[in-house]
Amino acid sequence: HQIAPAFDSSQYYREYYRYSGLHDEFN
């Protein structure tokens, strides 16, 4: 959420991440 502040409204979130069950991540 540091590199993508509007992550929850992003295409990546809508099409993939929301279905992964994950909600927080570091790289």
mmCIF file of all heavy atoms, coordinates in Angstrom:
data_MODEL
# 
_entry.id   MODEL 
# 
loop_
_atom_site.group_PDB 
_atom_site.id 
_atom_site.type_symbol 
_atom_site.label_atom_id 
_atom_site.label_alt_id 
_atom_site.label_comp_id 
_atom_site.label_asym_id 
_atom_site.label_entity_id 
_atom_site.label_seq_id 
_atom_site.pdbx_PDB_ins_code 
_atom_site.Cartn_x 
_atom_site.Cartn_y 
_atom_site.Cartn_z 
_atom_site.occupancy 
_atom_site.B_iso_or_equiv 
_atom_site.pdbx_formal_charge 
_atom_site.auth_seq_id 
_atom_site.auth_comp_id 
_atom_site.auth_asym_id 
_atom_site.auth_atom_id 
_atom_site.pdbx_PDB_model_num 
ATOM 1   N N   . HIS A 1 1  ? 0.817   -1.210  0.000   1.00 0.00 ? 1  HIS A N   1 
ATOM 2   C CA  . HIS A 1 1  ? 0.000   0.000   0.000   1.00 0.00 ? 1  HIS A CA  1 
ATOM 3   C C   . HIS A 1 1  ? 0.853   1.264   0.000   1.00 0.00 ? 1  HIS A C   1 
ATOM 4   O O   . HIS A 1 1  ? 0.321   2.359   -0.190  1.00 0.00 ? 1  HIS A O   1 
ATOM 5   C CB  . HIS A 1 1  ? -0.973  -0.014  1.182   1.00 0.00 ? 1  HIS A CB  1 
ATOM 6   C CG  . HIS A 1 1  ? -2.060  -1.025  1.016   1.00 0.00 ? 1  HIS A CG  1 
ATOM 7   N ND1 . HIS A 1 1  ? -3.176  -0.796  0.237   1.00 0.00 ? 1  HIS A ND1 1 
ATOM 8   C CD2 . HIS A 1 1  ? -2.189  -2.290  1.484   1.00 0.00 ? 1  HIS A CD2 1 
ATOM 9   C CE1 . HIS A 1 1  ? -3.961  -1.861  0.250   1.00 0.00 ? 1  HIS A CE1 1 
ATOM 10  N NE2 . HIS A 1 1  ? -3.387  -2.793  0.993   1.00 0.00 ? 1  HIS A NE2 1 
ATOM 11  N N   . GLN A 1 2  ? 2.152   1.116   0.194   1.00 0.00 ? 2  GLN A N   1 
ATOM 12  C CA  . GLN A 1 2  ? 3.061   2.249   0.067   1.00 0.00 ? 2  GLN A CA  1 
ATOM 13  C C   . GLN A 1 2  ? 3.291   2.595   -1.405  1.00 0.00 ? 2  GLN A C   1 
ATOM 14  O O   . GLN A 1 2  ? 3.299   3.768   -1.787  1.00 0.00 ? 2  GLN A O   1 
ATOM 15  C CB  . GLN A 1 2  ? 4.402   1.917   0.739   1.00 0.00 ? 2  GLN A CB  1 
ATOM 16  C CG  . GLN A 1 2  ? 5.500   2.953   0.467   1.00 0.00 ? 2  GLN A CG  1 
ATOM 17  C CD  . GLN A 1 2  ? 6.886   2.336   0.458   1.00 0.00 ? 2  GLN A CD  1 
ATOM 18  O OE1 . GLN A 1 2  ? 7.029   1.108   0.451   1.00 0.00 ? 2  GLN A OE1 1 
ATOM 19  N NE2 . GLN A 1 2  ? 7.891   3.183   0.447   1.00 0.00 ? 2  GLN A NE2 1 
ATOM 20  N N   . ILE A 1 3  ? 3.456   1.562   -2.246  1.00 0.00 ? 3  ILE A N   1 
ATOM 21  C CA  . ILE A 1 3  ? 3.749   1.819   -3.656  1.00 0.00 ? 3  ILE A CA  1 
ATOM 22  C C   . ILE A 1 3  ? 2.482   1.940   -4.497  1.00 0.00 ? 3  ILE A C   1 
ATOM 23  O O   . ILE A 1 3  ? 2.531   2.426   -5.624  1.00 0.00 ? 3  ILE A O   1 
ATOM 24  C CB  . ILE A 1 3  ? 4.669   0.733   -4.251  1.00 0.00 ? 3  ILE A CB  1 
ATOM 25  C CG1 . ILE A 1 3  ? 3.972   -0.626  -4.300  1.00 0.00 ? 3  ILE A CG1 1 
ATOM 26  C CG2 . ILE A 1 3  ? 5.971   0.645   -3.468  1.00 0.00 ? 3  ILE A CG2 1 
ATOM 27  C CD1 . ILE A 1 3  ? 4.740   -1.678  -5.091  1.00 0.00 ? 3  ILE A CD1 1 
ATOM 28  N N   . ALA A 1 4  ? 1.339   1.506   -3.938  1.00 0.00 ? 4  ALA A N   1 
ATOM 29  C CA  . ALA A 1 4  ? 0.061   1.582   -4.668  1.00 0.00 ? 4  ALA A CA  1 
ATOM 30  C C   . ALA A 1 4  ? -1.023  2.038   -3.694  1.00 0.00 ? 4  ALA A C   1 
ATOM 31  O O   . ALA A 1 4  ? -1.832  1.233   -3.235  1.00 0.00 ? 4  ALA A O   1 
ATOM 32  C CB  . ALA A 1 4  ? -0.287  0.228   -5.275  1.00 0.00 ? 4  ALA A CB  1 
ATOM 33  N N   . PRO A 1 5  ? -1.055  3.324   -3.362  1.00 0.00 ? 5  PRO A N   1 
ATOM 34  C CA  . PRO A 1 5  ? -2.005  3.824   -2.349  1.00 0.00 ? 5  PRO A CA  1 
ATOM 35  C C   . PRO A 1 5  ? -3.470  3.543   -2.675  1.00 0.00 ? 5  PRO A C   1 
ATOM 36  O O   . PRO A 1 5  ? -4.281  3.371   -1.773  1.00 0.00 ? 5  PRO A O   1 
ATOM 37  C CB  . PRO A 1 5  ? -1.716  5.329   -2.317  1.00 0.00 ? 5  PRO A CB  1 
ATOM 38  C CG  . PRO A 1 5  ? -0.328  5.466   -2.834  1.00 0.00 ? 5  PRO A CG  1 
ATOM 39  C CD  . PRO A 1 5  ? -0.160  4.379   -3.852  1.00 0.00 ? 5  PRO A CD  1 
ATOM 40  N N   . ALA A 1 6  ? -3.815  3.505   -3.962  1.00 0.00 ? 6  ALA A N   1 
ATOM 41  C CA  . ALA A 1 6  ? -5.206  3.225   -4.362  1.00 0.00 ? 6  ALA A CA  1 
ATOM 42  C C   . ALA A 1 6  ? -5.349  1.773   -4.810  1.00 0.00 ? 6  ALA A C   1 
ATOM 43  O O   . ALA A 1 6  ? -6.150  1.457   -5.699  1.00 0.00 ? 6  ALA A O   1 
ATOM 44  C CB  . ALA A 1 6  ? -5.631  4.176   -5.479  1.00 0.00 ? 6  ALA A CB  1 
ATOM 45  N N   . PHE A 1 7  ? -4.598  0.891   -4.166  1.00 0.00 ? 7  PHE A N   1 
ATOM 46  C CA  . PHE A 1 7  ? -4.508  -0.494  -4.614  1.00 0.00 ? 7  PHE A CA  1 
ATOM 47  C C   . PHE A 1 7  ? -5.865  -1.181  -4.699  1.00 0.00 ? 7  PHE A C   1 
ATOM 48  O O   . PHE A 1 7  ? -6.141  -1.918  -5.653  1.00 0.00 ? 7  PHE A O   1 
ATOM 49  C CB  . PHE A 1 7  ? -3.585  -1.277  -3.675  1.00 0.00 ? 7  PHE A CB  1 
ATOM 50  C CG  . PHE A 1 7  ? -3.442  -2.724  -4.033  1.00 0.00 ? 7  PHE A CG  1 
ATOM 51  C CD1 . PHE A 1 7  ? -2.791  -3.106  -5.197  1.00 0.00 ? 7  PHE A CD1 1 
ATOM 52  C CD2 . PHE A 1 7  ? -3.957  -3.720  -3.216  1.00 0.00 ? 7  PHE A CD2 1 
ATOM 53  C CE1 . PHE A 1 7  ? -2.658  -4.442  -5.545  1.00 0.00 ? 7  PHE A CE1 1 
ATOM 54  C CE2 . PHE A 1 7  ? -3.829  -5.057  -3.549  1.00 0.00 ? 7  PHE A CE2 1 
ATOM 55  C CZ  . PHE A 1 7  ? -3.171  -5.419  -4.718  1.00 0.00 ? 7  PHE A CZ  1 
ATOM 56  N N   . ASP A 1 8  ? -6.741  -0.954  -3.719  1.00 0.00 ? 8  ASP A N   1 
ATOM 57  C CA  . ASP A 1 8  ? -8.018  -1.665  -3.669  1.00 0.00 ? 8  ASP A CA  1 
ATOM 58  C C   . ASP A 1 8  ? -8.944  -1.324  -4.840  1.00 0.00 ? 8  ASP A C   1 
ATOM 59  O O   . ASP A 1 8  ? -9.914  -2.043  -5.084  1.00 0.00 ? 8  ASP A O   1 
ATOM 60  C CB  . ASP A 1 8  ? -8.737  -1.370  -2.350  1.00 0.00 ? 8  ASP A CB  1 
ATOM 61  C CG  . ASP A 1 8  ? -8.041  -2.038  -1.168  1.00 0.00 ? 8  ASP A CG  1 
ATOM 62  O OD1 . ASP A 1 8  ? -7.083  -2.808  -1.408  1.00 0.00 ? 8  ASP A OD1 1 
ATOM 63  O OD2 . ASP A 1 8  ? -8.440  -1.771  -0.017  1.00 0.00 ? 8  ASP A OD2 1 
ATOM 64  N N   . SER A 1 9  ? -8.666  -0.264  -5.549  1.00 0.00 ? 9  SER A N   1 
ATOM 65  C CA  . SER A 1 9  ? -9.465  0.086   -6.730  1.00 0.00 ? 9  SER A CA  1 
ATOM 66  C C   . SER A 1 9  ? -8.718  -0.184  -8.037  1.00 0.00 ? 9  SER A C   1 
ATOM 67  O O   . SER A 1 9  ? -9.205  0.170   -9.107  1.00 0.00 ? 9  SER A O   1 
ATOM 68  C CB  . SER A 1 9  ? -9.867  1.570   -6.673  1.00 0.00 ? 9  SER A CB  1 
ATOM 69  O OG  . SER A 1 9  ? -8.722  2.399   -6.677  1.00 0.00 ? 9  SER A OG  1 
ATOM 70  N N   . SER A 1 10 ? -7.555  -0.835  -7.934  1.00 0.00 ? 10 SER A N   1 
ATOM 71  C CA  . SER A 1 10 ? -6.745  -1.090  -9.126  1.00 0.00 ? 10 SER A CA  1 
ATOM 72  C C   . SER A 1 10 ? -7.271  -2.294  -9.902  1.00 0.00 ? 10 SER A C   1 
ATOM 73  O O   . SER A 1 10 ? -7.971  -3.161  -9.359  1.00 0.00 ? 10 SER A O   1 
ATOM 74  C CB  . SER A 1 10 ? -5.288  -1.350  -8.739  1.00 0.00 ? 10 SER A CB  1 
ATOM 75  O OG  . SER A 1 10 ? -5.165  -2.584  -8.039  1.00 0.00 ? 10 SER A OG  1 
ATOM 76  N N   . GLN A 1 11 ? -6.921  -2.372  -11.170 1.00 0.00 ? 11 GLN A N   1 
ATOM 77  C CA  . GLN A 1 11 ? -7.307  -3.514  -12.006 1.00 0.00 ? 11 GLN A CA  1 
ATOM 78  C C   . GLN A 1 11 ? -6.696  -4.798  -11.474 1.00 0.00 ? 11 GLN A C   1 
ATOM 79  O O   . GLN A 1 11 ? -7.341  -5.863  -11.475 1.00 0.00 ? 11 GLN A O   1 
ATOM 80  C CB  . GLN A 1 11 ? -6.854  -3.267  -13.449 1.00 0.00 ? 11 GLN A CB  1 
ATOM 81  C CG  . GLN A 1 11 ? -7.251  -4.381  -14.421 1.00 0.00 ? 11 GLN A CG  1 
ATOM 82  C CD  . GLN A 1 11 ? -6.759  -4.119  -15.835 1.00 0.00 ? 11 GLN A CD  1 
ATOM 83  O OE1 . GLN A 1 11 ? -6.185  -3.068  -16.121 1.00 0.00 ? 11 GLN A OE1 1 
ATOM 84  N NE2 . GLN A 1 11 ? -6.987  -5.080  -16.726 1.00 0.00 ? 11 GLN A NE2 1 
ATOM 85  N N   . TYR A 1 12 ? -5.458  -4.731  -11.001 1.00 0.00 ? 12 TYR A N   1 
ATOM 86  C CA  . TYR A 1 12 ? -4.772  -5.915  -10.455 1.00 0.00 ? 12 TYR A CA  1 
ATOM 87  C C   . TYR A 1 12 ? -5.537  -6.466  -9.252  1.00 0.00 ? 12 TYR A C   1 
ATOM 88  O O   . TYR A 1 12 ? -5.720  -7.678  -9.128  1.00 0.00 ? 12 TYR A O   1 
ATOM 89  C CB  . TYR A 1 12 ? -3.351  -5.539  -10.072 1.00 0.00 ? 12 TYR A CB  1 
ATOM 90  C CG  . TYR A 1 12 ? -2.533  -6.661  -9.484  1.00 0.00 ? 12 TYR A CG  1 
ATOM 91  C CD1 . TYR A 1 12 ? -2.200  -7.781  -10.232 1.00 0.00 ? 12 TYR A CD1 1 
ATOM 92  C CD2 . TYR A 1 12 ? -2.061  -6.580  -8.173  1.00 0.00 ? 12 TYR A CD2 1 
ATOM 93  C CE1 . TYR A 1 12 ? -1.429  -8.806  -9.693  1.00 0.00 ? 12 TYR A CE1 1 
ATOM 94  C CE2 . TYR A 1 12 ? -1.283  -7.586  -7.631  1.00 0.00 ? 12 TYR A CE2 1 
ATOM 95  C CZ  . TYR A 1 12 ? -0.972  -8.703  -8.391  1.00 0.00 ? 12 TYR A CZ  1 
ATOM 96  O OH  . TYR A 1 12 ? -0.204  -9.709  -7.850  1.00 0.00 ? 12 TYR A OH  1 
ATOM 97  N N   . TYR A 1 13 ? -5.991  -5.569  -8.385  1.00 0.00 ? 13 TYR A N   1 
ATOM 98  C CA  . TYR A 1 13 ? -6.758  -6.013  -7.226  1.00 0.00 ? 13 TYR A CA  1 
ATOM 99  C C   . TYR A 1 13 ? -8.087  -6.632  -7.665  1.00 0.00 ? 13 TYR A C   1 
ATOM 100 O O   . TYR A 1 13 ? -8.461  -7.706  -7.208  1.00 0.00 ? 13 TYR A O   1 
ATOM 101 C CB  . TYR A 1 13 ? -7.017  -4.848  -6.281  1.00 0.00 ? 13 TYR A CB  1 
ATOM 102 C CG  . TYR A 1 13 ? -7.878  -5.230  -5.095  1.00 0.00 ? 13 TYR A CG  1 
ATOM 103 C CD1 . TYR A 1 13 ? -7.328  -5.869  -3.993  1.00 0.00 ? 13 TYR A CD1 1 
ATOM 104 C CD2 . TYR A 1 13 ? -9.255  -4.974  -5.083  1.00 0.00 ? 13 TYR A CD2 1 
ATOM 105 C CE1 . TYR A 1 13 ? -8.111  -6.249  -2.904  1.00 0.00 ? 13 TYR A CE1 1 
ATOM 106 C CE2 . TYR A 1 13 ? -10.044 -5.344  -4.015  1.00 0.00 ? 13 TYR A CE2 1 
ATOM 107 C CZ  . TYR A 1 13 ? -9.471  -5.984  -2.930  1.00 0.00 ? 13 TYR A CZ  1 
ATOM 108 O OH  . TYR A 1 13 ? -10.255 -6.368  -1.869  1.00 0.00 ? 13 TYR A OH  1 
ATOM 109 N N   . ARG A 1 14 ? -8.790  -5.948  -8.560  1.00 0.00 ? 14 ARG A N   1 
ATOM 110 C CA  . ARG A 1 14 ? -10.118 -6.421  -8.975  1.00 0.00 ? 14 ARG A CA  1 
ATOM 111 C C   . ARG A 1 14 ? -10.045 -7.762  -9.688  1.00 0.00 ? 14 ARG A C   1 
ATOM 112 O O   . ARG A 1 14 ? -10.907 -8.627  -9.487  1.00 0.00 ? 14 ARG A O   1 
ATOM 113 C CB  . ARG A 1 14 ? -10.782 -5.389  -9.894  1.00 0.00 ? 14 ARG A CB  1 
ATOM 114 C CG  . ARG A 1 14 ? -11.133 -4.072  -9.235  1.00 0.00 ? 14 ARG A CG  1 
ATOM 115 C CD  . ARG A 1 14 ? -12.092 -3.265  -10.106 1.00 0.00 ? 14 ARG A CD  1 
ATOM 116 N NE  . ARG A 1 14 ? -11.638 -3.148  -11.478 1.00 0.00 ? 14 ARG A NE  1 
ATOM 117 C CZ  . ARG A 1 14 ? -10.858 -2.165  -11.936 1.00 0.00 ? 14 ARG A CZ  1 
ATOM 118 N NH1 . ARG A 1 14 ? -10.434 -1.235  -11.103 1.00 0.00 ? 14 ARG A NH1 1 
ATOM 119 N NH2 . ARG A 1 14 ? -10.511 -2.119  -13.210 1.00 0.00 ? 14 ARG A NH2 1 
ATOM 120 N N   . GLU A 1 15 ? -9.020  -7.946  -10.510 1.00 0.00 ? 15 GLU A N   1 
ATOM 121 C CA  . GLU A 1 15 ? -8.977  -9.138  -11.359 1.00 0.00 ? 15 GLU A CA  1 
ATOM 122 C C   . GLU A 1 15 ? -8.185  -10.295 -10.752 1.00 0.00 ? 15 GLU A C   1 
ATOM 123 O O   . GLU A 1 15 ? -8.352  -11.438 -11.189 1.00 0.00 ? 15 GLU A O   1 
ATOM 124 C CB  . GLU A 1 15 ? -8.382  -8.770  -12.721 1.00 0.00 ? 15 GLU A CB  1 
ATOM 125 C CG  . GLU A 1 15 ? -9.255  -7.794  -13.496 1.00 0.00 ? 15 GLU A CG  1 
ATOM 126 C CD  . GLU A 1 15 ? -8.709  -7.490  -14.882 1.00 0.00 ? 15 GLU A CD  1 
ATOM 127 O OE1 . GLU A 1 15 ? -7.674  -8.101  -15.274 1.00 0.00 ? 15 GLU A OE1 1 
ATOM 128 O OE2 . GLU A 1 15 ? -9.310  -6.654  -15.576 1.00 0.00 ? 15 GLU A OE2 1 
ATOM 129 N N   . TYR A 1 16 ? -7.331  -10.007 -9.772  1.00 0.00 ? 16 TYR A N   1 
ATOM 130 C CA  . TYR A 1 16 ? -6.506  -11.101 -9.239  1.00 0.00 ? 16 TYR A CA  1 
ATOM 131 C C   . TYR A 1 16 ? -6.392  -11.085 -7.715  1.00 0.00 ? 16 TYR A C   1 
ATOM 132 O O   . TYR A 1 16 ? -6.765  -12.040 -7.047  1.00 0.00 ? 16 TYR A O   1 
ATOM 133 C CB  . TYR A 1 16 ? -5.100  -11.050 -9.865  1.00 0.00 ? 16 TYR A CB  1 
ATOM 134 C CG  . TYR A 1 16 ? -4.135  -12.030 -9.221  1.00 0.00 ? 16 TYR A CG  1 
ATOM 135 C CD1 . TYR A 1 16 ? -4.214  -13.389 -9.505  1.00 0.00 ? 16 TYR A CD1 1 
ATOM 136 C CD2 . TYR A 1 16 ? -3.199  -11.605 -8.289  1.00 0.00 ? 16 TYR A CD2 1 
ATOM 137 C CE1 . TYR A 1 16 ? -3.373  -14.296 -8.894  1.00 0.00 ? 16 TYR A CE1 1 
ATOM 138 C CE2 . TYR A 1 16 ? -2.349  -12.504 -7.670  1.00 0.00 ? 16 TYR A CE2 1 
ATOM 139 C CZ  . TYR A 1 16 ? -2.434  -13.856 -7.968  1.00 0.00 ? 16 TYR A CZ  1 
ATOM 140 O OH  . TYR A 1 16 ? -1.612  -14.743 -7.349  1.00 0.00 ? 16 TYR A OH  1 
ATOM 141 N N   . TYR A 1 17 ? -5.898  -10.001 -7.152  1.00 0.00 ? 17 TYR A N   1 
ATOM 142 C CA  . TYR A 1 17 ? -5.455  -10.037 -5.760  1.00 0.00 ? 17 TYR A CA  1 
ATOM 143 C C   . TYR A 1 17 ? -6.590  -10.279 -4.787  1.00 0.00 ? 17 TYR A C   1 
ATOM 144 O O   . TYR A 1 17 ? -6.413  -10.985 -3.782  1.00 0.00 ? 17 TYR A O   1 
ATOM 145 C CB  . TYR A 1 17 ? -4.736  -8.724  -5.426  1.00 0.00 ? 17 TYR A CB  1 
ATOM 146 C CG  . TYR A 1 17 ? -3.707  -8.832  -4.319  1.00 0.00 ? 17 TYR A CG  1 
ATOM 147 C CD1 . TYR A 1 17 ? -2.415  -9.253  -4.598  1.00 0.00 ? 17 TYR A CD1 1 
ATOM 148 C CD2 . TYR A 1 17 ? -4.023  -8.497  -2.997  1.00 0.00 ? 17 TYR A CD2 1 
ATOM 149 C CE1 . TYR A 1 17 ? -1.469  -9.339  -3.605  1.00 0.00 ? 17 TYR A CE1 1 
ATOM 150 C CE2 . TYR A 1 17 ? -3.076  -8.584  -1.997  1.00 0.00 ? 17 TYR A CE2 1 
ATOM 151 C CZ  . TYR A 1 17 ? -1.797  -9.010  -2.300  1.00 0.00 ? 17 TYR A CZ  1 
ATOM 152 O OH  . TYR A 1 17 ? -0.846  -9.107  -1.297  1.00 0.00 ? 17 TYR A OH  1 
ATOM 153 N N   . ARG A 1 18 ? -7.760  -9.729  -5.063  1.00 0.00 ? 18 ARG A N   1 
ATOM 154 C CA  . ARG A 1 18 ? -8.879  -9.882  -4.136  1.00 0.00 ? 18 ARG A CA  1 
ATOM 155 C C   . ARG A 1 18 ? -9.274  -11.339 -3.964  1.00 0.00 ? 18 ARG A C   1 
ATOM 156 O O   . ARG A 1 18 ? -9.826  -11.733 -2.933  1.00 0.00 ? 18 ARG A O   1 
ATOM 157 C CB  . ARG A 1 18 ? -10.086 -9.062  -4.598  1.00 0.00 ? 18 ARG A CB  1 
ATOM 158 C CG  . ARG A 1 18 ? -10.693 -9.541  -5.901  1.00 0.00 ? 18 ARG A CG  1 
ATOM 159 C CD  . ARG A 1 18 ? -11.854 -8.675  -6.346  1.00 0.00 ? 18 ARG A CD  1 
ATOM 160 N NE  . ARG A 1 18 ? -12.978 -8.743  -5.411  1.00 0.00 ? 18 ARG A NE  1 
ATOM 161 C CZ  . ARG A 1 18 ? -14.139 -8.149  -5.633  1.00 0.00 ? 18 ARG A CZ  1 
ATOM 162 N NH1 . ARG A 1 18 ? -14.314 -7.411  -6.726  1.00 0.00 ? 18 ARG A NH1 1 
ATOM 163 N NH2 . ARG A 1 18 ? -15.117 -8.276  -4.768  1.00 0.00 ? 18 ARG A NH2 1 
ATOM 164 N N   . TYR A 1 19 ? -9.012  -12.168 -4.979  1.00 0.00 ? 19 TYR A N   1 
ATOM 165 C CA  . TYR A 1 19 ? -9.373  -13.590 -4.927  1.00 0.00 ? 19 TYR A CA  1 
ATOM 166 C C   . TYR A 1 19 ? -8.272  -14.451 -4.304  1.00 0.00 ? 19 TYR A C   1 
ATOM 167 O O   . TYR A 1 19 ? -8.485  -15.628 -4.053  1.00 0.00 ? 19 TYR A O   1 
ATOM 168 C CB  . TYR A 1 19 ? -9.677  -14.095 -6.341  1.00 0.00 ? 19 TYR A CB  1 
ATOM 169 C CG  . TYR A 1 19 ? -10.783 -13.335 -7.015  1.00 0.00 ? 19 TYR A CG  1 
ATOM 170 C CD1 . TYR A 1 19 ? -10.517 -12.455 -8.062  1.00 0.00 ? 19 TYR A CD1 1 
ATOM 171 C CD2 . TYR A 1 19 ? -12.110 -13.459 -6.586  1.00 0.00 ? 19 TYR A CD2 1 
ATOM 172 C CE1 . TYR A 1 19 ? -11.532 -11.733 -8.674  1.00 0.00 ? 19 TYR A CE1 1 
ATOM 173 C CE2 . TYR A 1 19 ? -13.133 -12.736 -7.186  1.00 0.00 ? 19 TYR A CE2 1 
ATOM 174 C CZ  . TYR A 1 19 ? -12.836 -11.878 -8.232  1.00 0.00 ? 19 TYR A CZ  1 
ATOM 175 O OH  . TYR A 1 19 ? -13.846 -11.166 -8.822  1.00 0.00 ? 19 TYR A OH  1 
ATOM 176 N N   . SER A 1 20 ? -7.114  -13.860 -4.069  1.00 0.00 ? 20 SER A N   1 
ATOM 177 C CA  . SER A 1 20 ? -5.988  -14.632 -3.527  1.00 0.00 ? 20 SER A CA  1 
ATOM 178 C C   . SER A 1 20 ? -6.124  -14.880 -2.034  1.00 0.00 ? 20 SER A C   1 
ATOM 179 O O   . SER A 1 20 ? -5.483  -15.772 -1.487  1.00 0.00 ? 20 SER A O   1 
ATOM 180 C CB  . SER A 1 20 ? -4.671  -13.887 -3.787  1.00 0.00 ? 20 SER A CB  1 
ATOM 181 O OG  . SER A 1 20 ? -4.582  -12.718 -2.976  1.00 0.00 ? 20 SER A OG  1 
ATOM 182 N N   . GLY A 1 21 ? -6.941  -14.062 -1.349  1.00 0.00 ? 21 GLY A N   1 
ATOM 183 C CA  . GLY A 1 21 ? -7.058  -14.164 0.098   1.00 0.00 ? 21 GLY A CA  1 
ATOM 184 C C   . GLY A 1 21 ? -5.989  -13.384 0.831   1.00 0.00 ? 21 GLY A C   1 
ATOM 185 O O   . GLY A 1 21 ? -6.009  -13.319 2.060   1.00 0.00 ? 21 GLY A O   1 
ATOM 186 N N   . LEU A 1 22 ? -5.061  -12.765 0.109   1.00 0.00 ? 22 LEU A N   1 
ATOM 187 C CA  . LEU A 1 22 ? -4.005  -11.966 0.727   1.00 0.00 ? 22 LEU A CA  1 
ATOM 188 C C   . LEU A 1 22 ? -4.475  -10.530 0.909   1.00 0.00 ? 22 LEU A C   1 
ATOM 189 O O   . LEU A 1 22 ? -5.337  -10.051 0.169   1.00 0.00 ? 22 LEU A O   1 
ATOM 190 C CB  . LEU A 1 22 ? -2.746  -11.988 -0.145  1.00 0.00 ? 22 LEU A CB  1 
ATOM 191 C CG  . LEU A 1 22 ? -2.189  -13.377 -0.476  1.00 0.00 ? 22 LEU A CG  1 
ATOM 192 C CD1 . LEU A 1 22 ? -1.017  -13.256 -1.445  1.00 0.00 ? 22 LEU A CD1 1 
ATOM 193 C CD2 . LEU A 1 22 ? -1.779  -14.126 0.782   1.00 0.00 ? 22 LEU A CD2 1 
ATOM 194 N N   . HIS A 1 23 ? -3.884  -9.835  1.893   1.00 0.00 ? 23 HIS A N   1 
ATOM 195 C CA  . HIS A 1 23 ? -4.289  -8.436  2.086   1.00 0.00 ? 23 HIS A CA  1 
ATOM 196 C C   . HIS A 1 23 ? -3.148  -7.524  2.495   1.00 0.00 ? 23 HIS A C   1 
ATOM 197 O O   . HIS A 1 23 ? -3.349  -6.303  2.604   1.00 0.00 ? 23 HIS A O   1 
ATOM 198 C CB  . HIS A 1 23 ? -5.424  -8.346  3.125   1.00 0.00 ? 23 HIS A CB  1 
ATOM 199 C CG  . HIS A 1 23 ? -4.960  -8.511  4.542   1.00 0.00 ? 23 HIS A CG  1 
ATOM 200 N ND1 . HIS A 1 23 ? -5.144  -7.534  5.494   1.00 0.00 ? 23 HIS A ND1 1 
ATOM 201 C CD2 . HIS A 1 23 ? -4.327  -9.533  5.161   1.00 0.00 ? 23 HIS A CD2 1 
ATOM 202 C CE1 . HIS A 1 23 ? -4.650  -7.961  6.658   1.00 0.00 ? 23 HIS A CE1 1 
ATOM 203 N NE2 . HIS A 1 23 ? -4.168  -9.155  6.480   1.00 0.00 ? 23 HIS A NE2 1 
ATOM 204 N N   . ASP A 1 24 ? -1.961  -8.056  2.724   1.00 0.00 ? 24 ASP A N   1 
ATOM 205 C CA  . ASP A 1 24 ? -0.815  -7.208  3.060   1.00 0.00 ? 24 ASP A CA  1 
ATOM 206 C C   . ASP A 1 24 ? 0.444   -7.909  2.570   1.00 0.00 ? 24 ASP A C   1 
ATOM 207 O O   . ASP A 1 24 ? 0.542   -9.146  2.652   1.00 0.00 ? 24 ASP A O   1 
ATOM 208 C CB  . ASP A 1 24 ? -0.743  -6.970  4.573   1.00 0.00 ? 24 ASP A CB  1 
ATOM 209 C CG  . ASP A 1 24 ? 0.138   -5.780  4.937   1.00 0.00 ? 24 ASP A CG  1 
ATOM 210 O OD1 . ASP A 1 24 ? 0.555   -5.035  4.025   1.00 0.00 ? 24 ASP A OD1 1 
ATOM 211 O OD2 . ASP A 1 24 ? 0.401   -5.590  6.144   1.00 0.00 ? 24 ASP A OD2 1 
ATOM 212 N N   . GLU A 1 25 ? 1.406   -7.117  2.075   1.00 0.00 ? 25 GLU A N   1 
ATOM 213 C CA  . GLU A 1 25 ? 2.570   -7.744  1.442   1.00 0.00 ? 25 GLU A CA  1 
ATOM 214 C C   . GLU A 1 25 ? 3.765   -6.793  1.451   1.00 0.00 ? 25 GLU A C   1 
ATOM 215 O O   . GLU A 1 25 ? 3.613   -5.584  1.218   1.00 0.00 ? 25 GLU A O   1 
ATOM 216 C CB  . GLU A 1 25 ? 2.233   -8.139  0.007   1.00 0.00 ? 25 GLU A CB  1 
ATOM 217 C CG  . GLU A 1 25 ? 3.334   -8.867  -0.730  1.00 0.00 ? 25 GLU A CG  1 
ATOM 218 C CD  . GLU A 1 25 ? 2.927   -9.315  -2.124  1.00 0.00 ? 25 GLU A CD  1 
ATOM 219 O OE1 . GLU A 1 25 ? 1.717   -9.168  -2.475  1.00 0.00 ? 25 GLU A OE1 1 
ATOM 220 O OE2 . GLU A 1 25 ? 3.795   -9.800  -2.870  1.00 0.00 ? 25 GLU A OE2 1 
ATOM 221 N N   . PHE A 1 26 ? 4.919   -7.354  1.721   1.00 0.00 ? 26 PHE A N   1 
ATOM 222 C CA  . PHE A 1 26 ? 6.197   -6.674  1.543   1.00 0.00 ? 26 PHE A CA  1 
ATOM 223 C C   . PHE A 1 26 ? 6.966   -7.357  0.421   1.00 0.00 ? 26 PHE A C   1 
ATOM 224 O O   . PHE A 1 26 ? 6.857   -8.573  0.228   1.00 0.00 ? 26 PHE A O   1 
ATOM 225 C CB  . PHE A 1 26 ? 7.054   -6.762  2.812   1.00 0.00 ? 26 PHE A CB  1 
ATOM 226 C CG  . PHE A 1 26 ? 6.686   -5.799  3.903   1.00 0.00 ? 26 PHE A CG  1 
ATOM 227 C CD1 . PHE A 1 26 ? 5.858   -6.186  4.942   1.00 0.00 ? 26 PHE A CD1 1 
ATOM 228 C CD2 . PHE A 1 26 ? 7.190   -4.506  3.900   1.00 0.00 ? 26 PHE A CD2 1 
ATOM 229 C CE1 . PHE A 1 26 ? 5.513   -5.303  5.954   1.00 0.00 ? 26 PHE A CE1 1 
ATOM 230 C CE2 . PHE A 1 26 ? 6.860   -3.622  4.911   1.00 0.00 ? 26 PHE A CE2 1 
ATOM 231 C CZ  . PHE A 1 26 ? 6.027   -4.015  5.950   1.00 0.00 ? 26 PHE A CZ  1 
ATOM 232 N N   . ASN A 1 27 ? 7.739   -6.583  -0.305  1.00 0.00 ? 27 ASN A N   1 
ATOM 233 C CA  . ASN A 1 27 ? 8.727   -7.134  -1.242  1.00 0.00 ? 27 ASN A CA  1 
ATOM 234 C C   . ASN A 1 27 ? 10.075  -6.501  -0.933  1.00 0.00 ? 27 ASN A C   1 
ATOM 235 O O   . ASN A 1 27 ? 10.159  -5.282  -0.719  1.00 0.00 ? 27 ASN A O   1 
ATOM 236 C CB  . ASN A 1 27 ? 8.365   -6.825  -2.690  1.00 0.00 ? 27 ASN A CB  1 
ATOM 237 C CG  . ASN A 1 27 ? 7.580   -7.937  -3.383  1.00 0.00 ? 27 ASN A CG  1 
ATOM 238 O OD1 . ASN A 1 27 ? 7.714   -8.158  -4.585  1.00 0.00 ? 27 ASN A OD1 1 
ATOM 239 N ND2 . ASN A 1 27 ? 6.739   -8.635  -2.638  1.00 0.00 ? 27 ASN A ND2 1 
# 
